[in-house]
Amino acid sequence: MPTSPLTAPRPRHYAAGRWLCRLVGLLALTLMAGCASRDLATHDPGPGSEGLSIERALILASAKSALGTPYRYGGNTPAGLDCSGLVEMAYGAAGIRVPRTADAQYRALPTVKQAQPGDLLFFGDRRKATHVGIYRGNGQMIHAPGSGRKVTSVPLHIDYWQERFLGAAGLAP
């Protein structure tokens, strides 16, 4: 009985090729998942809720009072602030001590799944947090952006922040 190409036994290299193709596909999916950013999820207290704790209110009041303050590398006073200095000053106003640098804060503080007003938002390159801001609420963050600029409030929906987001942390009740 003659064999046709459809009924002929397949050579071993065919099975190996299919296996290799599946392996490459699985590897590609794994790499793409590793490149996906973490969700920048937030939760704002709604009307009729118990509102913010006194600590969160103090953190936000201090951060808001710093709006317009010039950026100064290593600064943590109203004369000049860097990003982690802003956090140190605002949290200090609520009686909460935090590590000095953005990366030390990121590594030491308890993570939260959804940032609430007063929580910290960390950004970087997956190996290190290079920037931190304070979640203001309503999709806004207060931060000290860099040399030659001033403490400001910015929207978080911008791709720049979404792509660099590492996680959120909170110490305030």
C-alpha atoms as a PDB file:
ATOM      1  CA  MET A   1       0.000   0.000   0.000  1.00  0.00           C
ATOM      2  CA  PRO A   2       1.550   3.301  -1.068  1.00  0.00           C
ATOM      3  CA  THR A   3       1.873   6.116   1.449  1.00  0.00           C
ATOM      4  CA  SER A   4       0.789   9.637   0.728  1.00  0.00           C
ATOM      5  CA  PRO A   5       2.333  12.727   2.280  1.00  0.00           C
ATOM      6  CA  LEU A   6      -0.708  12.935   4.575  1.00  0.00           C
ATOM      7  CA  THR A   7      -0.357   9.391   5.925  1.00  0.00           C
ATOM      8  CA  ALA A   8       3.420   9.063   5.910  1.00  0.00           C
ATOM      9  CA  PRO A   9       5.107   8.834   9.289  1.00  0.00           C
ATOM     10  CA  ARG A  10       6.589  12.178  10.321  1.00  0.00           C
ATOM     11  CA  PRO A  11      10.336  12.333  10.837  1.00  0.00           C
ATOM     12  CA  ARG A  12      11.678  12.939  14.357  1.00  0.00           C
ATOM     13  CA  HIS A  13      12.918  16.412  13.473  1.00  0.00           C
ATOM     14  CA  TYR A  14       9.296  17.488  12.851  1.00  0.00           C
ATOM     15  CA  ALA A  15       8.321  16.707  16.466  1.00  0.00           C
ATOM     16  CA  ALA A  16      11.454  18.427  17.752  1.00  0.00           C
ATOM     17  CA  GLY A  17      10.654  21.488  15.614  1.00  0.00           C
ATOM     18  CA  ARG A  18       7.128  21.739  17.033  1.00  0.00           C
ATOM     19  CA  TRP A  19       8.481  21.411  20.571  1.00  0.00           C
ATOM     20  CA  LEU A  20      11.077  24.118  19.921  1.00  0.00           C
ATOM     21  CA  CYS A  21       8.438  26.417  18.412  1.00  0.00           C
ATOM     22  CA  ARG A  22       6.238  26.019  21.499  1.00  0.00           C
ATOM     23  CA  LEU A  23       9.193  26.647  23.788  1.00  0.00           C
ATOM     24  CA  VAL A  24      10.092  29.857  21.936  1.00  0.00           C
ATOM     25  CA  GLY A  25       6.455  31.007  22.131  1.00  0.00           C
ATOM     26  CA  LEU A  26       6.311  30.321  25.854  1.00  0.00           C
ATOM     27  CA  LEU A  27       9.579  32.178  26.388  1.00  0.00           C
ATOM     28  CA  ALA A  28       8.249  35.184  24.429  1.00  0.00           C
ATOM     29  CA  LEU A  29       5.089  35.283  26.564  1.00  0.00           C
ATOM     30  CA  THR A  30       7.165  35.092  29.737  1.00  0.00           C
ATOM     31  CA  LEU A  31       9.375  37.976  28.619  1.00  0.00           C
ATOM     32  CA  MET A  32       6.383  40.114  27.692  1.00  0.00           C
ATOM     33  CA  ALA A  33       4.797  39.472  31.081  1.00  0.00           C
ATOM     34  CA  GLY A  34       8.031  40.531  32.780  1.00  0.00           C
ATOM     35  CA  CYS A  35       8.006  43.801  30.865  1.00  0.00           C
ATOM     36  CA  ALA A  36       4.435  44.635  31.810  1.00  0.00           C
ATOM     37  CA  SER A  37       4.149  47.450  34.310  1.00  0.00           C
ATOM     38  CA  ARG A  38       2.562  46.952  37.681  1.00  0.00           C
ATOM     39  CA  ASP A  39      -0.885  48.418  37.988  1.00  0.00           C
ATOM     40  CA  LEU A  40      -0.909  51.876  39.481  1.00  0.00           C
ATOM     41  CA  ALA A  41      -4.116  51.344  41.435  1.00  0.00           C
ATOM     42  CA  THR A  42      -5.554  54.030  43.681  1.00  0.00           C
ATOM     43  CA  HIS A  43      -8.462  54.344  46.077  1.00  0.00           C
ATOM     44  CA  ASP A  44      -9.918  57.698  47.055  1.00  0.00           C
ATOM     45  CA  PRO A  45     -12.302  57.924  50.011  1.00  0.00           C
ATOM     46  CA  GLY A  46     -15.747  58.694  48.658  1.00  0.00           C
ATOM     47  CA  PRO A  47     -18.373  61.034  50.021  1.00  0.00           C
ATOM     48  CA  GLY A  48     -19.936  59.699  53.173  1.00  0.00           C
ATOM     49  CA  SER A  49     -16.871  57.598  54.072  1.00  0.00           C
ATOM     50  CA  GLU A  50     -14.960  58.176  57.268  1.00  0.00           C
ATOM     51  CA  GLY A  51     -12.432  60.309  55.358  1.00  0.00           C
ATOM     52  CA  LEU A  52      -8.719  60.614  56.019  1.00  0.00           C
ATOM     53  CA  SER A  53      -6.919  59.889  59.258  1.00  0.00           C
ATOM     54  CA  ILE A  54      -5.303  62.840  61.006  1.00  0.00           C
ATOM     55  CA  GLU A  55      -1.874  61.518  59.946  1.00  0.00           C
ATOM     56  CA  ARG A  56      -2.857  61.410  56.271  1.00  0.00           C
ATOM     57  CA  ALA A  57      -4.377  64.891  56.525  1.00  0.00           C
ATOM     58  CA  LEU A  58      -1.120  66.208  58.050  1.00  0.00           C
ATOM     59  CA  ILE A  59       1.008  64.502  55.354  1.00  0.00           C
ATOM     60  CA  LEU A  60      -1.116  66.010  52.585  1.00  0.00           C
ATOM     61  CA  ALA A  61      -1.221  69.460  54.199  1.00  0.00           C
ATOM     62  CA  SER A  62       2.575  69.489  54.486  1.00  0.00           C
ATOM     63  CA  ALA A  63       3.032  68.252  50.902  1.00  0.00           C
ATOM     64  CA  LYS A  64       0.555  70.842  49.571  1.00  0.00           C
ATOM     65  CA  SER A  65       2.306  73.615  51.494  1.00  0.00           C
ATOM     66  CA  ALA A  66       5.543  72.593  49.728  1.00  0.00           C
ATOM     67  CA  LEU A  67       4.061  73.219  46.251  1.00  0.00           C
ATOM     68  CA  GLY A  68       6.298  75.737  44.493  1.00  0.00           C
ATOM     69  CA  THR A  69       9.350  74.959  46.665  1.00  0.00           C
ATOM     70  CA  PRO A  70      12.515  74.802  44.535  1.00  0.00           C
ATOM     71  CA  TYR A  71      14.175  71.448  43.931  1.00  0.00           C
ATOM     72  CA  ARG A  72      17.449  70.987  45.773  1.00  0.00           C
ATOM     73  CA  TYR A  73      19.396  67.725  45.669  1.00  0.00           C
ATOM     74  CA  GLY A  74      19.544  66.342  49.209  1.00  0.00           C
ATOM     75  CA  GLY A  75      17.110  68.989  50.419  1.00  0.00           C
ATOM     76  CA  ASN A  76      14.549  68.214  53.082  1.00  0.00           C
ATOM     77  CA  THR A  77      13.503  71.678  54.295  1.00  0.00           C
ATOM     78  CA  PRO A  78      11.154  74.378  52.956  1.00  0.00           C
ATOM     79  CA  ALA A  79      14.246  76.092  51.494  1.00  0.00           C
ATOM     80  CA  GLY A  80      14.652  73.259  48.959  1.00  0.00           C
ATOM     81  CA  LEU A  81      13.516  69.665  48.523  1.00  0.00           C
ATOM     82  CA  ASP A  82      14.362  66.579  46.550  1.00  0.00           C
ATOM     83  CA  CYS A  83      11.750  63.849  46.076  1.00  0.00           C
ATOM     84  CA  SER A  84      12.622  61.780  49.147  1.00  0.00           C
ATOM     85  CA  GLY A  85      13.209  64.944  51.190  1.00  0.00           C
ATOM     86  CA  LEU A  86       9.646  66.012  50.413  1.00  0.00           C
ATOM     87  CA  VAL A  87       8.448  62.646  51.735  1.00  0.00           C
ATOM     88  CA  GLU A  88      10.665  62.913  54.819  1.00  0.00           C
ATOM     89  CA  MET A  89       9.353  66.416  55.584  1.00  0.00           C
ATOM     90  CA  ALA A  90       5.664  65.592  54.942  1.00  0.00           C
ATOM     91  CA  TYR A  91       5.712  62.361  56.914  1.00  0.00           C
ATOM     92  CA  GLY A  92       7.677  64.090  59.680  1.00  0.00           C
ATOM     93  CA  ALA A  93       4.840  66.621  59.995  1.00  0.00           C
ATOM     94  CA  ALA A  94       2.625  63.655  60.906  1.00  0.00           C
ATOM     95  CA  GLY A  95       5.205  62.308  63.375  1.00  0.00           C
ATOM     96  CA  ILE A  96       6.224  59.428  61.103  1.00  0.00           C
ATOM     97  CA  ARG A  97       9.911  58.753  60.443  1.00  0.00           C
ATOM     98  CA  VAL A  98      10.930  57.331  57.064  1.00  0.00           C
ATOM     99  CA  PRO A  99      14.295  56.394  55.529  1.00  0.00           C
ATOM    100  CA  ARG A 100      16.070  59.206  53.687  1.00  0.00           C
ATOM    101  CA  THR A 101      16.312  57.995  50.061  1.00  0.00           C
ATOM    102  CA  ALA A 102      13.618  56.868  47.621  1.00  0.00           C
ATOM    103  CA  ASP A 103      15.154  53.397  47.290  1.00  0.00           C
ATOM    104  CA  ALA A 104      15.542  52.960  51.059  1.00  0.00           C
ATOM    105  CA  GLN A 105      11.905  54.022  51.503  1.00  0.00           C
ATOM    106  CA  TYR A 106      10.800  51.592  48.785  1.00  0.00           C
ATOM    107  CA  ARG A 107      12.654  48.684  50.375  1.00  0.00           C
ATOM    108  CA  ALA A 108      11.697  49.414  54.006  1.00  0.00           C
ATOM    109  CA  LEU A 109       8.073  50.541  53.965  1.00  0.00           C
ATOM    110  CA  PRO A 110       5.049  48.224  53.838  1.00  0.00           C
ATOM    111  CA  THR A 111       3.511  47.908  50.381  1.00  0.00           C
ATOM    112  CA  VAL A 112      -0.138  48.566  49.594  1.00  0.00           C
ATOM    113  CA  LYS A 113      -2.151  47.301  46.634  1.00  0.00           C
ATOM    114  CA  GLN A 114      -4.153  50.495  46.218  1.00  0.00           C
ATOM    115  CA  ALA A 115      -2.664  53.867  47.056  1.00  0.00           C
ATOM    116  CA  GLN A 116      -4.787  56.146  49.190  1.00  0.00           C
ATOM    117  CA  PRO A 117      -4.186  59.877  49.638  1.00  0.00           C
ATOM    118  CA  GLY A 118      -0.978  60.268  51.651  1.00  0.00           C
ATOM    119  CA  ASP A 119       0.586  56.993  50.466  1.00  0.00           C
ATOM    120  CA  LEU A 120       3.888  56.906  48.611  1.00  0.00           C
ATOM    121  CA  LEU A 121       4.305  56.036  44.931  1.00  0.00           C
ATOM    122  CA  PHE A 122       7.663  54.673  43.773  1.00  0.00           C
ATOM    123  CA  PHE A 123       9.139  54.789  40.285  1.00  0.00           C
ATOM    124  CA  GLY A 124      12.315  53.364  38.810  1.00  0.00           C
ATOM    125  CA  ASP A 125      13.890  50.712  36.639  1.00  0.00           C
ATOM    126  CA  ARG A 126      12.887  47.458  38.449  1.00  0.00           C
ATOM    127  CA  ARG A 127      16.253  47.231  40.221  1.00  0.00           C
ATOM    128  CA  LYS A 128      16.016  50.459  42.156  1.00  0.00           C
ATOM    129  CA  ALA A 129      13.488  53.103  43.105  1.00  0.00           C
ATOM    130  CA  THR A 130      14.831  56.358  41.699  1.00  0.00           C
ATOM    131  CA  HIS A 131      11.839  58.591  42.409  1.00  0.00           C
ATOM    132  CA  VAL A 132       9.045  58.898  44.959  1.00  0.00           C
ATOM    133  CA  GLY A 133       5.923  61.025  45.188  1.00  0.00           C
ATOM    134  CA  ILE A 134       2.964  61.412  47.525  1.00  0.00           C
ATOM    135  CA  TYR A 135      -0.434  60.366  46.231  1.00  0.00           C
ATOM    136  CA  ARG A 136      -2.689  63.410  46.527  1.00  0.00           C
ATOM    137  CA  GLY A 137      -5.952  61.809  45.478  1.00  0.00           C
ATOM    138  CA  ASN A 138      -8.017  62.149  42.302  1.00  0.00           C
ATOM    139  CA  GLY A 139      -5.233  60.626  40.189  1.00  0.00           C
ATOM    140  CA  GLN A 140      -2.656  63.275  41.207  1.00  0.00           C
ATOM    141  CA  MET A 141       0.791  63.030  42.796  1.00  0.00           C
ATOM    142  CA  ILE A 142       2.821  65.719  44.566  1.00  0.00           C
ATOM    143  CA  HIS A 143       6.540  65.365  43.895  1.00  0.00           C
ATOM    144  CA  ALA A 144       9.833  67.218  43.541  1.00  0.00           C
ATOM    145  CA  PRO A 145      10.640  66.630  39.844  1.00  0.00           C
ATOM    146  CA  GLY A 146      14.283  67.581  39.522  1.00  0.00           C
ATOM    147  CA  SER A 147      16.941  70.226  39.082  1.00  0.00           C
ATOM    148  CA  GLY A 148      15.696  73.645  37.987  1.00  0.00           C
ATOM    149  CA  ARG A 149      12.066  72.784  38.767  1.00  0.00           C
ATOM    150  CA  LYS A 150       9.713  73.170  41.719  1.00  0.00           C
ATOM    151  CA  VAL A 151       7.550  70.844  43.787  1.00  0.00           C
ATOM    152  CA  THR A 152       4.393  70.290  41.775  1.00  0.00           C
ATOM    153  CA  SER A 153       1.281  68.175  41.421  1.00  0.00           C
ATOM    154  CA  VAL A 154       0.981  66.008  38.302  1.00  0.00           C
ATOM    155  CA  PRO A 155      -1.550  63.544  36.866  1.00  0.00           C
ATOM    156  CA  LEU A 156      -0.634  59.869  37.104  1.00  0.00           C
ATOM    157  CA  HIS A 157      -2.366  58.677  33.938  1.00  0.00           C
ATOM    158  CA  ILE A 158       0.609  59.833  31.835  1.00  0.00           C
ATOM    159  CA  ASP A 159       2.500  56.952  30.183  1.00  0.00           C
ATOM    160  CA  TYR A 160       5.790  58.155  31.697  1.00  0.00           C
ATOM    161  CA  TRP A 161       4.567  57.364  35.232  1.00  0.00           C
ATOM    162  CA  GLN A 162       2.695  54.213  34.255  1.00  0.00           C
ATOM    163  CA  GLU A 163       5.781  52.708  32.584  1.00  0.00           C
ATOM    164  CA  ARG A 164       8.091  53.385  35.545  1.00  0.00           C
ATOM    165  CA  PHE A 165       5.741  52.546  38.423  1.00  0.00           C
ATOM    166  CA  LEU A 166       7.237  50.078  40.911  1.00  0.00           C
ATOM    167  CA  GLY A 167       4.716  50.065  43.726  1.00  0.00           C
ATOM    168  CA  ALA A 168       2.997  51.957  46.506  1.00  0.00           C
ATOM    169  CA  ALA A 169       3.660  52.031  50.233  1.00  0.00           C
ATOM    170  CA  GLY A 170       1.909  53.440  53.221  1.00  0.00           C
ATOM    171  CA  LEU A 171       2.635  53.913  56.893  1.00  0.00           C
ATOM    172  CA  ALA A 172      -0.187  56.221  57.857  1.00  0.00           C
ATOM    173  CA  PRO A 173      -3.331  54.695  59.332  1.00  0.00           C
END
